[in-house]
């Protein structure tokens, strides 16, 4: 499931405020809706862990605006807390995205079968 568009809009607003034209120029010759759709796709799964998105927004690079892959990497460096695990468990019953399953496996030290839910 892609990150909700309202989240992408908030991320783009913050990055535009922090980096100004340096961020906005990156997309000047592109369809901004396509760019945002790509960000939503690449950040899929983070809707289950909003504290990771918050962490990424609070730990942006000083010298350049992040690409979507850099932003995602920052988000996954967020310290994992118990409430993050509870957020992941809130999606019980829905297919678990691979990145979330991998994170839970790492935290719990066990392997889930492909397609399993927490």
PDB file of N, CA and C in Angstrom:
ATOM      1  N   UNK A   1       0.844  -1.176   0.000  1.00  0.00           N
ATOM      2  CA  UNK A   1       0.000   0.000   0.000  1.00  0.00           C
ATOM      3  C   UNK A   1       0.895   1.246   0.000  1.00  0.00           C
ATOM      4  N   UNK A   2       0.636   2.142  -0.914  1.00  0.00           N
ATOM      5  CA  UNK A   2       1.422   3.369  -1.004  1.00  0.00           C
ATOM      6  C   UNK A   2       1.133   4.286   0.171  1.00  0.00           C
ATOM      7  N   UNK A   3       2.091   5.120   0.484  1.00  0.00           N
ATOM      8  CA  UNK A   3       1.901   6.117   1.540  1.00  0.00           C
ATOM      9  C   UNK A   3       0.768   7.051   1.110  1.00  0.00           C
ATOM     10  N   UNK A   4      -0.163   7.376   1.989  1.00  0.00           N
ATOM     11  CA  UNK A   4      -1.289   8.242   1.615  1.00  0.00           C
ATOM     12  C   UNK A   4      -0.829   9.590   1.061  1.00  0.00           C
ATOM     13  N   UNK A   5      -1.566  10.102   0.095  1.00  0.00           N
ATOM     14  CA  UNK A   5      -1.181  11.347  -0.568  1.00  0.00           C
ATOM     15  C   UNK A   5      -1.103  12.520   0.399  1.00  0.00           C
ATOM     16  N   UNK A   6      -1.917  12.518   1.439  1.00  0.00           N
ATOM     17  CA  UNK A   6      -1.846  13.618   2.403  1.00  0.00           C
ATOM     18  C   UNK A   6      -0.486  13.628   3.106  1.00  0.00           C
ATOM     19  N   UNK A   7       0.098  12.461   3.331  1.00  0.00           N
ATOM     20  CA  UNK A   7       1.427  12.368   3.933  1.00  0.00           C
ATOM     21  C   UNK A   7       2.476  12.900   2.962  1.00  0.00           C
ATOM     22  N   UNK A   8       2.339  12.524   1.684  1.00  0.00           N
ATOM     23  CA  UNK A   8       3.294  12.985   0.671  1.00  0.00           C
ATOM     24  C   UNK A   8       3.234  14.505   0.553  1.00  0.00           C
ATOM     25  N   UNK A   9       2.037  15.060   0.562  1.00  0.00           N
ATOM     26  CA  UNK A   9       1.889  16.519   0.497  1.00  0.00           C
ATOM     27  C   UNK A   9       2.582  17.180   1.684  1.00  0.00           C
ATOM     28  N   UNK A  10       2.423  16.610   2.863  1.00  0.00           N
ATOM     29  CA  UNK A  10       3.063  17.163   4.061  1.00  0.00           C
ATOM     30  C   UNK A  10       4.588  17.073   3.955  1.00  0.00           C
ATOM     31  N   UNK A  11       5.094  15.950   3.458  1.00  0.00           N
ATOM     32  CA  UNK A  11       6.543  15.784   3.288  1.00  0.00           C
ATOM     33  C   UNK A  11       7.066  16.808   2.284  1.00  0.00           C
ATOM     34  N   UNK A  12       6.377  16.958   1.156  1.00  0.00           N
ATOM     35  CA  UNK A  12       6.826  17.910   0.136  1.00  0.00           C
ATOM     36  C   UNK A  12       6.762  19.344   0.651  1.00  0.00           C
ATOM     37  N   UNK A  13       5.744  19.659   1.438  1.00  0.00           N
ATOM     38  CA  UNK A  13       5.651  21.005   2.021  1.00  0.00           C
ATOM     39  C   UNK A  13       6.839  21.257   2.930  1.00  0.00           C
ATOM     40  N   UNK A  14       7.151  20.311   3.796  1.00  0.00           N
ATOM     41  CA  UNK A  14       8.280  20.471   4.722  1.00  0.00           C
ATOM     42  C   UNK A  14       9.598  20.597   3.960  1.00  0.00           C
ATOM     43  N   UNK A  15       9.823  19.737   2.972  1.00  0.00           N
ATOM     44  CA  UNK A  15      11.073  19.785   2.223  1.00  0.00           C
ATOM     45  C   UNK A  15      11.175  21.087   1.422  1.00  0.00           C
ATOM     46  N   UNK A  16      10.048  21.586   0.933  1.00  0.00           N
ATOM     47  CA  UNK A  16      10.051  22.864   0.217  1.00  0.00           C
ATOM     48  C   UNK A  16      10.382  24.016   1.158  1.00  0.00           C
ATOM     49  N   UNK A  17       9.864  23.950   2.372  1.00  0.00           N
ATOM     50  CA  UNK A  17      10.156  25.004   3.350  1.00  0.00           C
ATOM     51  C   UNK A  17      11.617  24.967   3.791  1.00  0.00           C
ATOM     52  N   UNK A  18      12.150  23.789   3.986  1.00  0.00           N
ATOM     53  CA  UNK A  18      13.526  23.653   4.460  1.00  0.00           C
ATOM     54  C   UNK A  18      14.539  23.993   3.367  1.00  0.00           C
ATOM     55  N   UNK A  19      14.319  23.470   2.153  1.00  0.00           N
ATOM     56  CA  UNK A  19      15.313  23.599   1.093  1.00  0.00           C
ATOM     57  C   UNK A  19      14.957  24.617   0.009  1.00  0.00           C
ATOM     58  N   UNK A  20      13.729  25.117   0.018  1.00  0.00           N
ATOM     59  CA  UNK A  20      13.311  26.119  -0.962  1.00  0.00           C
ATOM     60  C   UNK A  20      13.496  25.657  -2.391  1.00  0.00           C
ATOM     61  N   UNK A  21      14.026  26.545  -3.223  1.00  0.00           N
ATOM     62  CA  UNK A  21      14.186  26.270  -4.648  1.00  0.00           C
ATOM     63  C   UNK A  21      15.116  25.091  -4.930  1.00  0.00           C
ATOM     64  N   UNK A  22      16.044  24.826  -4.040  1.00  0.00           N
ATOM     65  CA  UNK A  22      16.957  23.692  -4.251  1.00  0.00           C
ATOM     66  C   UNK A  22      16.148  22.393  -4.367  1.00  0.00           C
ATOM     67  N   UNK A  23      15.104  22.259  -3.571  1.00  0.00           N
ATOM     68  CA  UNK A  23      14.244  21.079  -3.647  1.00  0.00           C
ATOM     69  C   UNK A  23      13.290  21.189  -4.832  1.00  0.00           C
ATOM     70  N   UNK A  24      12.649  22.331  -4.981  1.00  0.00           N
ATOM     71  CA  UNK A  24      11.638  22.507  -6.015  1.00  0.00           C
ATOM     72  C   UNK A  24      12.209  22.422  -7.429  1.00  0.00           C
ATOM     73  N   UNK A  25      13.417  22.920  -7.649  1.00  0.00           N
ATOM     74  CA  UNK A  25      14.044  22.874  -8.977  1.00  0.00           C
ATOM     75  C   UNK A  25      14.292  21.442  -9.449  1.00  0.00           C
ATOM     76  N   UNK A  26      14.485  20.568  -8.519  1.00  0.00           N
ATOM     77  CA  UNK A  26      14.755  19.173  -8.874  1.00  0.00           C
ATOM     78  C   UNK A  26      13.632  18.599  -9.745  1.00  0.00           C
ATOM     79  N   UNK A  27      12.423  19.085  -9.566  1.00  0.00           N
ATOM     80  CA  UNK A  27      11.257  18.519 -10.250  1.00  0.00           C
ATOM     81  C   UNK A  27      10.710  19.444 -11.344  1.00  0.00           C
ATOM     82  N   UNK A  28      11.381  20.542 -11.657  1.00  0.00           N
ATOM     83  CA  UNK A  28      10.812  21.568 -12.534  1.00  0.00           C
ATOM     84  C   UNK A  28      10.436  21.074 -13.932  1.00  0.00           C
ATOM     85  N   UNK A  29      11.113  20.116 -14.488  1.00  0.00           N
ATOM     86  CA  UNK A  29      10.802  19.620 -15.824  1.00  0.00           C
ATOM     87  C   UNK A  29      10.057  18.289 -15.799  1.00  0.00           C
ATOM     88  N   UNK A  30       9.487  17.975 -14.658  1.00  0.00           N
ATOM     89  CA  UNK A  30       8.809  16.684 -14.511  1.00  0.00           C
ATOM     90  C   UNK A  30       7.363  16.909 -14.092  1.00  0.00           C
ATOM     91  N   UNK A  31       6.552  15.888 -14.301  1.00  0.00           N
ATOM     92  CA  UNK A  31       5.170  15.909 -13.831  1.00  0.00           C
ATOM     93  C   UNK A  31       5.208  15.703 -12.312  1.00  0.00           C
ATOM     94  N   UNK A  32       4.876  16.746 -11.561  1.00  0.00           N
ATOM     95  CA  UNK A  32       4.968  16.685 -10.105  1.00  0.00           C
ATOM     96  C   UNK A  32       4.063  15.604  -9.520  1.00  0.00           C
ATOM     97  N   UNK A  33       2.925  15.345 -10.156  1.00  0.00           N
ATOM     98  CA  UNK A  33       2.048  14.269  -9.674  1.00  0.00           C
ATOM     99  C   UNK A  33       2.731  12.906  -9.808  1.00  0.00           C
ATOM    100  N   UNK A  34       3.482  12.713 -10.886  1.00  0.00           N
ATOM    101  CA  UNK A  34       4.217  11.452 -11.068  1.00  0.00           C
ATOM    102  C   UNK A  34       5.325  11.325 -10.031  1.00  0.00           C
ATOM    103  N   UNK A  35       5.993  12.431  -9.740  1.00  0.00           N
ATOM    104  CA  UNK A  35       7.052  12.430  -8.723  1.00  0.00           C
ATOM    105  C   UNK A  35       6.460  12.053  -7.368  1.00  0.00           C
ATOM    106  N   UNK A  36       5.351  12.680  -7.026  1.00  0.00           N
ATOM    107  CA  UNK A  36       4.709  12.394  -5.735  1.00  0.00           C
ATOM    108  C   UNK A  36       4.206  10.958  -5.673  1.00  0.00           C
ATOM    109  N   UNK A  37       3.703  10.451  -6.783  1.00  0.00           N
ATOM    110  CA  UNK A  37       3.250   9.052  -6.816  1.00  0.00           C
ATOM    111  C   UNK A  37       4.427   8.105  -6.589  1.00  0.00           C
ATOM    112  N   UNK A  38       5.587   8.449  -7.139  1.00  0.00           N
ATOM    113  CA  UNK A  38       6.776   7.628  -6.929  1.00  0.00           C
ATOM    114  C   UNK A  38       7.190   7.660  -5.459  1.00  0.00           C
ATOM    115  N   UNK A  39       7.163   8.847  -4.847  1.00  0.00           N
ATOM    116  CA  UNK A  39       7.484   8.942  -3.420  1.00  0.00           C
ATOM    117  C   UNK A  39       6.502   8.092  -2.605  1.00  0.00           C
ATOM    118  N   UNK A  40       5.232   8.168  -2.930  1.00  0.00           N
ATOM    119  CA  UNK A  40       4.230   7.375  -2.203  1.00  0.00           C
ATOM    120  C   UNK A  40       4.534   5.890  -2.330  1.00  0.00           C
ATOM    121  N   UNK A  41       4.931   5.466  -3.524  1.00  0.00           N
ATOM    122  CA  UNK A  41       5.266   4.060  -3.748  1.00  0.00           C
ATOM    123  C   UNK A  41       6.528   3.658  -2.979  1.00  0.00           C
ATOM    124  N   UNK A  42       7.563   4.458  -3.082  1.00  0.00           N
ATOM    125  CA  UNK A  42       8.832   4.128  -2.430  1.00  0.00           C
ATOM    126  C   UNK A  42       8.744   4.163  -0.909  1.00  0.00           C
ATOM    127  N   UNK A  43       7.823   4.949  -0.375  1.00  0.00           N
ATOM    128  CA  UNK A  43       7.679   5.063   1.080  1.00  0.00           C
ATOM    129  C   UNK A  43       6.553   4.179   1.615  1.00  0.00           C
ATOM    130  N   UNK A  44       6.069   3.278   0.757  1.00  0.00           N
ATOM    131  CA  UNK A  44       4.985   2.382   1.183  1.00  0.00           C
ATOM    132  C   UNK A  44       5.405   1.617   2.429  1.00  0.00           C
ATOM    133  N   UNK A  45       4.454   1.370   3.267  1.00  0.00           N
ATOM    134  CA  UNK A  45       4.721   0.662   4.521  1.00  0.00           C
ATOM    135  C   UNK A  45       4.978   1.592   5.683  1.00  0.00           C
ATOM    136  N   UNK A  46       5.412   2.813   5.411  1.00  0.00           N
ATOM    137  CA  UNK A  46       5.713   3.741   6.510  1.00  0.00           C
ATOM    138  C   UNK A  46       4.454   4.308   7.151  1.00  0.00           C
ATOM    139  N   UNK A  47       3.293   4.115   6.507  1.00  0.00           N
ATOM    140  CA  UNK A  47       2.056   4.567   7.154  1.00  0.00           C
ATOM    141  C   UNK A  47       1.812   3.789   8.444  1.00  0.00           C
ATOM    142  N   UNK A  48       2.415   2.626   8.560  1.00  0.00           N
ATOM    143  CA  UNK A  48       2.292   1.821   9.776  1.00  0.00           C
ATOM    144  C   UNK A  48       3.264   2.277  10.859  1.00  0.00           C
ATOM    145  N   UNK A  49       4.173   3.159  10.522  1.00  0.00           N
ATOM    146  CA  UNK A  49       5.177   3.634  11.475  1.00  0.00           C
ATOM    147  C   UNK A  49       5.406   5.139  11.296  1.00  0.00           C
ATOM    148  N   UNK A  50       4.405   5.959  11.627  1.00  0.00           N
ATOM    149  CA  UNK A  50       4.533   7.404  11.415  1.00  0.00           C
ATOM    150  C   UNK A  50       5.701   8.031  12.166  1.00  0.00           C
ATOM    151  N   UNK A  51       6.138   7.415  13.245  1.00  0.00           N
ATOM    152  CA  UNK A  51       7.279   7.968  13.980  1.00  0.00           C
ATOM    153  C   UNK A  51       8.556   7.907  13.142  1.00  0.00           C
ATOM    154  N   UNK A  52       8.630   6.980  12.226  1.00  0.00           N
ATOM    155  CA  UNK A  52       9.782   6.905  11.322  1.00  0.00           C
ATOM    156  C   UNK A  52       9.772   8.089  10.353  1.00  0.00           C
ATOM    157  N   UNK A  53       8.593   8.435   9.839  1.00  0.00           N
ATOM    158  CA  UNK A  53       8.481   9.588   8.943  1.00  0.00           C
ATOM    159  C   UNK A  53       8.824  10.854   9.712  1.00  0.00           C
ATOM    160  N   UNK A  54       8.307  10.965  10.918  1.00  0.00           N
ATOM    161  CA  UNK A  54       8.617  12.116  11.766  1.00  0.00           C
ATOM    162  C   UNK A  54      10.128  12.205  12.009  1.00  0.00           C
ATOM    163  N   UNK A  55      10.751  11.076  12.288  1.00  0.00           N
ATOM    164  CA  UNK A  55      12.199  11.049  12.506  1.00  0.00           C
ATOM    165  C   UNK A  55      12.941  11.545  11.269  1.00  0.00           C
ATOM    166  N   UNK A  56      12.530  11.070  10.093  1.00  0.00           N
ATOM    167  CA  UNK A  56      13.194  11.489   8.850  1.00  0.00           C
ATOM    168  C   UNK A  56      13.059  12.996   8.650  1.00  0.00           C
ATOM    169  N   UNK A  57      11.881  13.536   8.933  1.00  0.00           N
ATOM    170  CA  UNK A  57      11.676  14.980   8.774  1.00  0.00           C
ATOM    171  C   UNK A  57      12.489  15.790   9.778  1.00  0.00           C
ATOM    172  N   UNK A  58      12.798  15.196  10.912  1.00  0.00           N
ATOM    173  CA  UNK A  58      13.581  15.891  11.934  1.00  0.00           C
ATOM    174  C   UNK A  58      15.087  15.682  11.759  1.00  0.00           C
ATOM    175  N   UNK A  59      15.488  14.801  10.845  1.00  0.00           N
ATOM    176  CA  UNK A  59      16.902  14.479  10.650  1.00  0.00           C
ATOM    177  C   UNK A  59      17.296  14.581   9.184  1.00  0.00           C
ATOM    178  N   UNK A  60      16.845  15.637   8.543  1.00  0.00           N
ATOM    179  CA  UNK A  60      17.140  15.860   7.130  1.00  0.00           C
ATOM    180  C   UNK A  60      18.604  16.234   6.940  1.00  0.00           C
ATOM    181  N   UNK A  61      19.168  15.905   5.781  1.00  0.00           N
ATOM    182  CA  UNK A  61      20.547  16.320   5.493  1.00  0.00           C
ATOM    183  C   UNK A  61      20.657  17.843   5.527  1.00  0.00           C
ATOM    184  N   UNK A  62      21.769  18.342   6.005  1.00  0.00           N
ATOM    185  CA  UNK A  62      21.980  19.785   6.113  1.00  0.00           C
ATOM    186  C   UNK A  62      22.336  20.387   4.755  1.00  0.00           C
ATOM    187  N   UNK A  63      23.082  19.649   3.945  1.00  0.00           N
ATOM    188  CA  UNK A  63      23.656  20.230   2.732  1.00  0.00           C
ATOM    189  C   UNK A  63      22.874  20.017   1.440  1.00  0.00           C
ATOM    190  N   UNK A  64      21.851  19.151   1.450  1.00  0.00           N
ATOM    191  CA  UNK A  64      21.089  18.916   0.225  1.00  0.00           C
ATOM    192  C   UNK A  64      19.737  18.287   0.542  1.00  0.00           C
ATOM    193  N   UNK A  65      18.746  18.535  -0.332  1.00  0.00           N
ATOM    194  CA  UNK A  65      17.468  17.864  -0.121  1.00  0.00           C
ATOM    195  C   UNK A  65      17.600  16.380  -0.452  1.00  0.00           C
ATOM    196  N   UNK A  66      16.980  15.531   0.328  1.00  0.00           N
ATOM    197  CA  UNK A  66      17.123  14.092   0.081  1.00  0.00           C
ATOM    198  C   UNK A  66      16.309  13.634  -1.124  1.00  0.00           C
ATOM    199  N   UNK A  67      16.803  12.622  -1.783  1.00  0.00           N
ATOM    200  CA  UNK A  67      15.998  11.907  -2.770  1.00  0.00           C
ATOM    201  C   UNK A  67      15.022  11.045  -1.979  1.00  0.00           C
ATOM    202  N   UNK A  68      14.085  10.434  -2.647  1.00  0.00           N
ATOM    203  CA  UNK A  68      13.139   9.561  -1.951  1.00  0.00           C
ATOM    204  C   UNK A  68      13.867   8.387  -1.298  1.00  0.00           C
ATOM    205  N   UNK A  69      14.891   7.875  -1.952  1.00  0.00           N
ATOM    206  CA  UNK A  69      15.626   6.741  -1.378  1.00  0.00           C
ATOM    207  C   UNK A  69      16.424   7.164  -0.149  1.00  0.00           C
ATOM    208  N   UNK A  70      16.983   8.363  -0.175  1.00  0.00           N
ATOM    209  CA  UNK A  70      17.687   8.879   1.003  1.00  0.00           C
ATOM    210  C   UNK A  70      16.705   9.123   2.144  1.00  0.00           C
ATOM    211  N   UNK A  71      15.542   9.689   1.818  1.00  0.00           N
ATOM    212  CA  UNK A  71      14.528   9.945   2.843  1.00  0.00           C
ATOM    213  C   UNK A  71      14.099   8.629   3.498  1.00  0.00           C
ATOM    214  N   UNK A  72      13.859   7.607   2.679  1.00  0.00           N
ATOM    215  CA  UNK A  72      13.461   6.301   3.206  1.00  0.00           C
ATOM    216  C   UNK A  72      14.554   5.724   4.099  1.00  0.00           C
ATOM    217  N   UNK A  73      15.808   5.859   3.688  1.00  0.00           N
ATOM    218  CA  UNK A  73      16.929   5.341   4.495  1.00  0.00           C
ATOM    219  C   UNK A  73      16.996   6.051   5.842  1.00  0.00           C
ATOM    220  N   UNK A  74      16.771   7.356   5.860  1.00  0.00           N
ATOM    221  CA  UNK A  74      16.759   8.106   7.122  1.00  0.00           C
ATOM    222  C   UNK A  74      15.628   7.597   8.001  1.00  0.00           C
ATOM    223  N   UNK A  75      14.452   7.414   7.419  1.00  0.00           N
ATOM    224  CA  UNK A  75      13.296   6.940   8.187  1.00  0.00           C
ATOM    225  C   UNK A  75      13.582   5.605   8.857  1.00  0.00           C
ATOM    226  N   UNK A  76      14.267   4.709   8.143  1.00  0.00           N
ATOM    227  CA  UNK A  76      14.548   3.389   8.707  1.00  0.00           C
ATOM    228  C   UNK A  76      15.712   3.376   9.686  1.00  0.00           C
ATOM    229  N   UNK A  77      16.340   4.531   9.879  1.00  0.00           N
ATOM    230  CA  UNK A  77      17.361   4.646  10.920  1.00  0.00           C
ATOM    231  C   UNK A  77      16.751   5.083  12.242  1.00  0.00           C
ATOM    232  N   UNK A  78      15.459   5.363  12.240  1.00  0.00           N
ATOM    233  CA  UNK A  78      14.787   5.816  13.457  1.00  0.00           C
ATOM    234  C   UNK A  78      14.887   4.744  14.533  1.00  0.00           C
ATOM    235  N   UNK A  79      15.143   5.174  15.762  1.00  0.00           N
ATOM    236  CA  UNK A  79      15.147   4.196  16.858  1.00  0.00           C
ATOM    237  C   UNK A  79      13.766   3.555  16.970  1.00  0.00           C
ATOM    238  N   UNK A  80      13.732   2.250  17.077  1.00  0.00           N
ATOM    239  CA  UNK A  80      12.464   1.530  17.183  1.00  0.00           C
ATOM    240  C   UNK A  80      12.044   1.502  18.640  1.00  0.00           C
ATOM    241  N   UNK A  81      10.813   1.885  18.864  1.00  0.00           N
ATOM    242  CA  UNK A  81      10.262   1.897  20.220  1.00  0.00           C
ATOM    243  C   UNK A  81       9.070   0.966  20.263  1.00  0.00           C
ATOM    244  N   UNK A  82       8.636   0.642  21.444  1.00  0.00           N
ATOM    245  CA  UNK A  82       7.512  -0.278  21.609  1.00  0.00           C
ATOM    246  C   UNK A  82       6.273   0.222  20.884  1.00  0.00           C
ATOM    247  N   UNK A  83       6.026   1.550  20.900  1.00  0.00           N
ATOM    248  CA  UNK A  83       4.830   2.053  20.235  1.00  0.00           C
ATOM    249  C   UNK A  83       4.907   1.843  18.722  1.00  0.00           C
ATOM    250  N   UNK A  84       6.109   1.771  18.156  1.00  0.00           N
ATOM    251  CA  UNK A  84       6.253   1.480  16.736  1.00  0.00           C
ATOM    252  C   UNK A  84       5.801   0.051  16.460  1.00  0.00           C
ATOM    253  N   UNK A  85       6.162  -0.871  17.348  1.00  0.00           N
ATOM    254  CA  UNK A  85       5.697  -2.252  17.187  1.00  0.00           C
ATOM    255  C   UNK A  85       4.185  -2.337  17.292  1.00  0.00           C
ATOM    256  N   UNK A  86       3.596  -1.556  18.192  1.00  0.00           N
ATOM    257  CA  UNK A  86       2.145  -1.555  18.319  1.00  0.00           C
ATOM    258  C   UNK A  86       1.491  -1.020  17.055  1.00  0.00           C
ATOM    259  N   UNK A  87       2.090   0.006  16.433  1.00  0.00           N
ATOM    260  CA  UNK A  87       1.562   0.528  15.178  1.00  0.00           C
ATOM    261  C   UNK A  87       1.619  -0.540  14.099  1.00  0.00           C
ATOM    262  N   UNK A  88       2.687  -1.310  14.056  1.00  0.00           N
ATOM    263  CA  UNK A  88       2.804  -2.373  13.069  1.00  0.00           C
ATOM    264  C   UNK A  88       1.744  -3.443  13.299  1.00  0.00           C
ATOM    265  N   UNK A  89       1.482  -3.765  14.560  1.00  0.00           N
ATOM    266  CA  UNK A  89       0.480  -4.774  14.888  1.00  0.00           C
ATOM    267  C   UNK A  89      -0.931  -4.296  14.558  1.00  0.00           C
ATOM    268  N   UNK A  90      -1.144  -2.983  14.475  1.00  0.00           N
ATOM    269  CA  UNK A  90      -2.470  -2.436  14.200  1.00  0.00           C
ATOM    270  C   UNK A  90      -2.968  -2.839  12.818  1.00  0.00           C
ATOM    271  N   UNK A  91      -2.087  -3.244  11.949  1.00  0.00           N
ATOM    272  CA  UNK A  91      -2.475  -3.627  10.604  1.00  0.00           C
ATOM    273  C   UNK A  91      -2.726  -5.129  10.490  1.00  0.00           C
ATOM    274  N   UNK A  92      -2.973  -5.770  11.610  1.00  0.00           N
ATOM    275  CA  UNK A  92      -3.210  -7.210  11.638  1.00  0.00           C
ATOM    276  C   UNK A  92      -4.369  -7.569  10.717  1.00  0.00           C
ATOM    277  N   UNK A  93      -4.210  -8.616   9.984  1.00  0.00           N
ATOM    278  CA  UNK A  93      -5.236  -9.067   9.066  1.00  0.00           C
ATOM    279  C   UNK A  93      -4.973  -8.629   7.632  1.00  0.00           C
ATOM    280  N   UNK A  94      -4.238  -7.557   7.454  1.00  0.00           N
ATOM    281  CA  UNK A  94      -3.880  -7.103   6.111  1.00  0.00           C
ATOM    282  C   UNK A  94      -2.552  -7.753   5.731  1.00  0.00           C
ATOM    283  N   UNK A  95      -2.339  -7.981   4.441  1.00  0.00           N
ATOM    284  CA  UNK A  95      -1.035  -8.537   4.042  1.00  0.00           C
ATOM    285  C   UNK A  95       0.089  -7.624   4.529  1.00  0.00           C
ATOM    286  N   UNK A  96       1.100  -8.221   5.086  1.00  0.00           N
ATOM    287  CA  UNK A  96       2.203  -7.445   5.646  1.00  0.00           C
ATOM    288  C   UNK A  96       3.225  -7.132   4.562  1.00  0.00           C
ATOM    289  N   UNK A  97       3.501  -5.836   4.341  1.00  0.00           N
ATOM    290  CA  UNK A  97       4.542  -5.494   3.370  1.00  0.00           C
ATOM    291  C   UNK A  97       5.874  -6.122   3.775  1.00  0.00           C
ATOM    292  N   UNK A  98       6.671  -6.470   2.788  1.00  0.00           N
ATOM    293  CA  UNK A  98       7.935  -7.164   3.030  1.00  0.00           C
ATOM    294  C   UNK A  98       8.857  -6.378   3.954  1.00  0.00           C
ATOM    295  N   UNK A  99       8.907  -5.042   3.788  1.00  0.00           N
ATOM    296  CA  UNK A  99       9.826  -4.264   4.625  1.00  0.00           C
ATOM    297  C   UNK A  99       9.392  -4.275   6.092  1.00  0.00           C
ATOM    298  N   UNK A 100       8.094  -4.293   6.341  1.00  0.00           N
ATOM    299  CA  UNK A 100       7.606  -4.345   7.718  1.00  0.00           C
ATOM    300  C   UNK A 100       7.854  -5.731   8.299  1.00  0.00           C
ATOM    301  N   UNK A 101       7.589  -6.771   7.501  1.00  0.00           N
ATOM    302  CA  UNK A 101       7.825  -8.138   7.977  1.00  0.00           C
ATOM    303  C   UNK A 101       9.299  -8.312   8.346  1.00  0.00           C
ATOM    304  N   UNK A 102      10.192  -7.773   7.492  1.00  0.00           N
ATOM    305  CA  UNK A 102      11.630  -7.879   7.751  1.00  0.00           C
ATOM    306  C   UNK A 102      11.996  -7.170   9.058  1.00  0.00           C
ATOM    307  N   UNK A 103      11.422  -5.991   9.296  1.00  0.00           N
ATOM    308  CA  UNK A 103      11.721  -5.245  10.515  1.00  0.00           C
ATOM    309  C   UNK A 103      11.225  -5.995  11.750  1.00  0.00           C
ATOM    310  N   UNK A 104      10.032  -6.550  11.673  1.00  0.00           N
ATOM    311  CA  UNK A 104       9.499  -7.312  12.810  1.00  0.00           C
ATOM    312  C   UNK A 104      10.354  -8.548  13.056  1.00  0.00           C
ATOM    313  N   UNK A 105      10.755  -9.225  11.980  1.00  0.00           N
ATOM    314  CA  UNK A 105      11.633 -10.390  12.125  1.00  0.00           C
ATOM    315  C   UNK A 105      12.925 -10.014  12.842  1.00  0.00           C
ATOM    316  N   UNK A 106      13.481  -8.880  12.434  1.00  0.00           N
ATOM    317  CA  UNK A 106      14.734  -8.425  13.051  1.00  0.00           C
ATOM    318  C   UNK A 106      14.525  -8.157  14.532  1.00  0.00           C
ATOM    319  N   UNK A 107      13.407  -7.518  14.858  1.00  0.00           N
ATOM    320  CA  UNK A 107      13.154  -7.149  16.242  1.00  0.00           C
ATOM    321  C   UNK A 107      12.820  -8.355  17.108  1.00  0.00           C
ATOM    322  N   UNK A 108      12.118  -9.285  16.561  1.00  0.00           N
ATOM    323  CA  UNK A 108      11.697 -10.454  17.336  1.00  0.00           C
ATOM    324  C   UNK A 108      12.669 -11.613  17.225  1.00  0.00           C
ATOM    325  N   UNK A 109      13.543 -11.569  16.222  1.00  0.00           N
ATOM    326  CA  UNK A 109      14.519 -12.631  16.057  1.00  0.00           C
ATOM    327  C   UNK A 109      13.949 -13.925  15.529  1.00  0.00           C
ATOM    328  N   UNK A 110      12.825 -13.847  14.809  1.00  0.00           N
ATOM    329  CA  UNK A 110      12.275 -15.056  14.213  1.00  0.00           C
ATOM    330  C   UNK A 110      11.760 -14.733  12.820  1.00  0.00           C
ATOM    331  N   UNK A 111      11.475 -15.756  12.049  1.00  0.00           N
ATOM    332  CA  UNK A 111      11.064 -15.576  10.663  1.00  0.00           C
ATOM    333  C   UNK A 111       9.582 -15.882  10.514  1.00  0.00           C
ATOM    334  N   UNK A 112       8.890 -15.018   9.752  1.00  0.00           N
ATOM    335  CA  UNK A 112       7.494 -15.237   9.414  1.00  0.00           C
ATOM    336  C   UNK A 112       7.435 -15.861   8.023  1.00  0.00           C
ATOM    337  N   UNK A 113       6.494 -16.752   7.797  1.00  0.00           N
ATOM    338  CA  UNK A 113       6.337 -17.286   6.440  1.00  0.00           C
ATOM    339  C   UNK A 113       5.910 -16.168   5.489  1.00  0.00           C
ATOM    340  N   UNK A 114       6.254 -16.280   4.212  1.00  0.00           N
ATOM    341  CA  UNK A 114       5.875 -15.306   3.189  1.00  0.00           C
ATOM    342  C   UNK A 114       4.357 -15.142   3.215  1.00  0.00           C
ATOM    343  N   UNK A 115       3.855 -13.891   3.213  1.00  0.00           N
ATOM    344  CA  UNK A 115       2.426 -13.623   3.194  1.00  0.00           C
ATOM    345  C   UNK A 115       1.764 -13.665   4.561  1.00  0.00           C
ATOM    346  N   UNK A 116       2.520 -13.945   5.617  1.00  0.00           N
ATOM    347  CA  UNK A 116       1.954 -13.998   6.958  1.00  0.00           C
ATOM    348  C   UNK A 116       1.691 -12.607   7.483  1.00  0.00           C
ATOM    349  N   UNK A 117       0.867 -12.510   8.499  1.00  0.00           N
ATOM    350  CA  UNK A 117       0.619 -11.248   9.173  1.00  0.00           C
ATOM    351  C   UNK A 117       1.075 -11.351  10.616  1.00  0.00           C
ATOM    352  N   UNK A 118       1.305 -10.208  11.216  1.00  0.00           N
ATOM    353  CA  UNK A 118       1.771 -10.193  12.614  1.00  0.00           C
ATOM    354  C   UNK A 118       0.637 -10.490  13.558  1.00  0.00           C
TER     355      UNK A 118
END
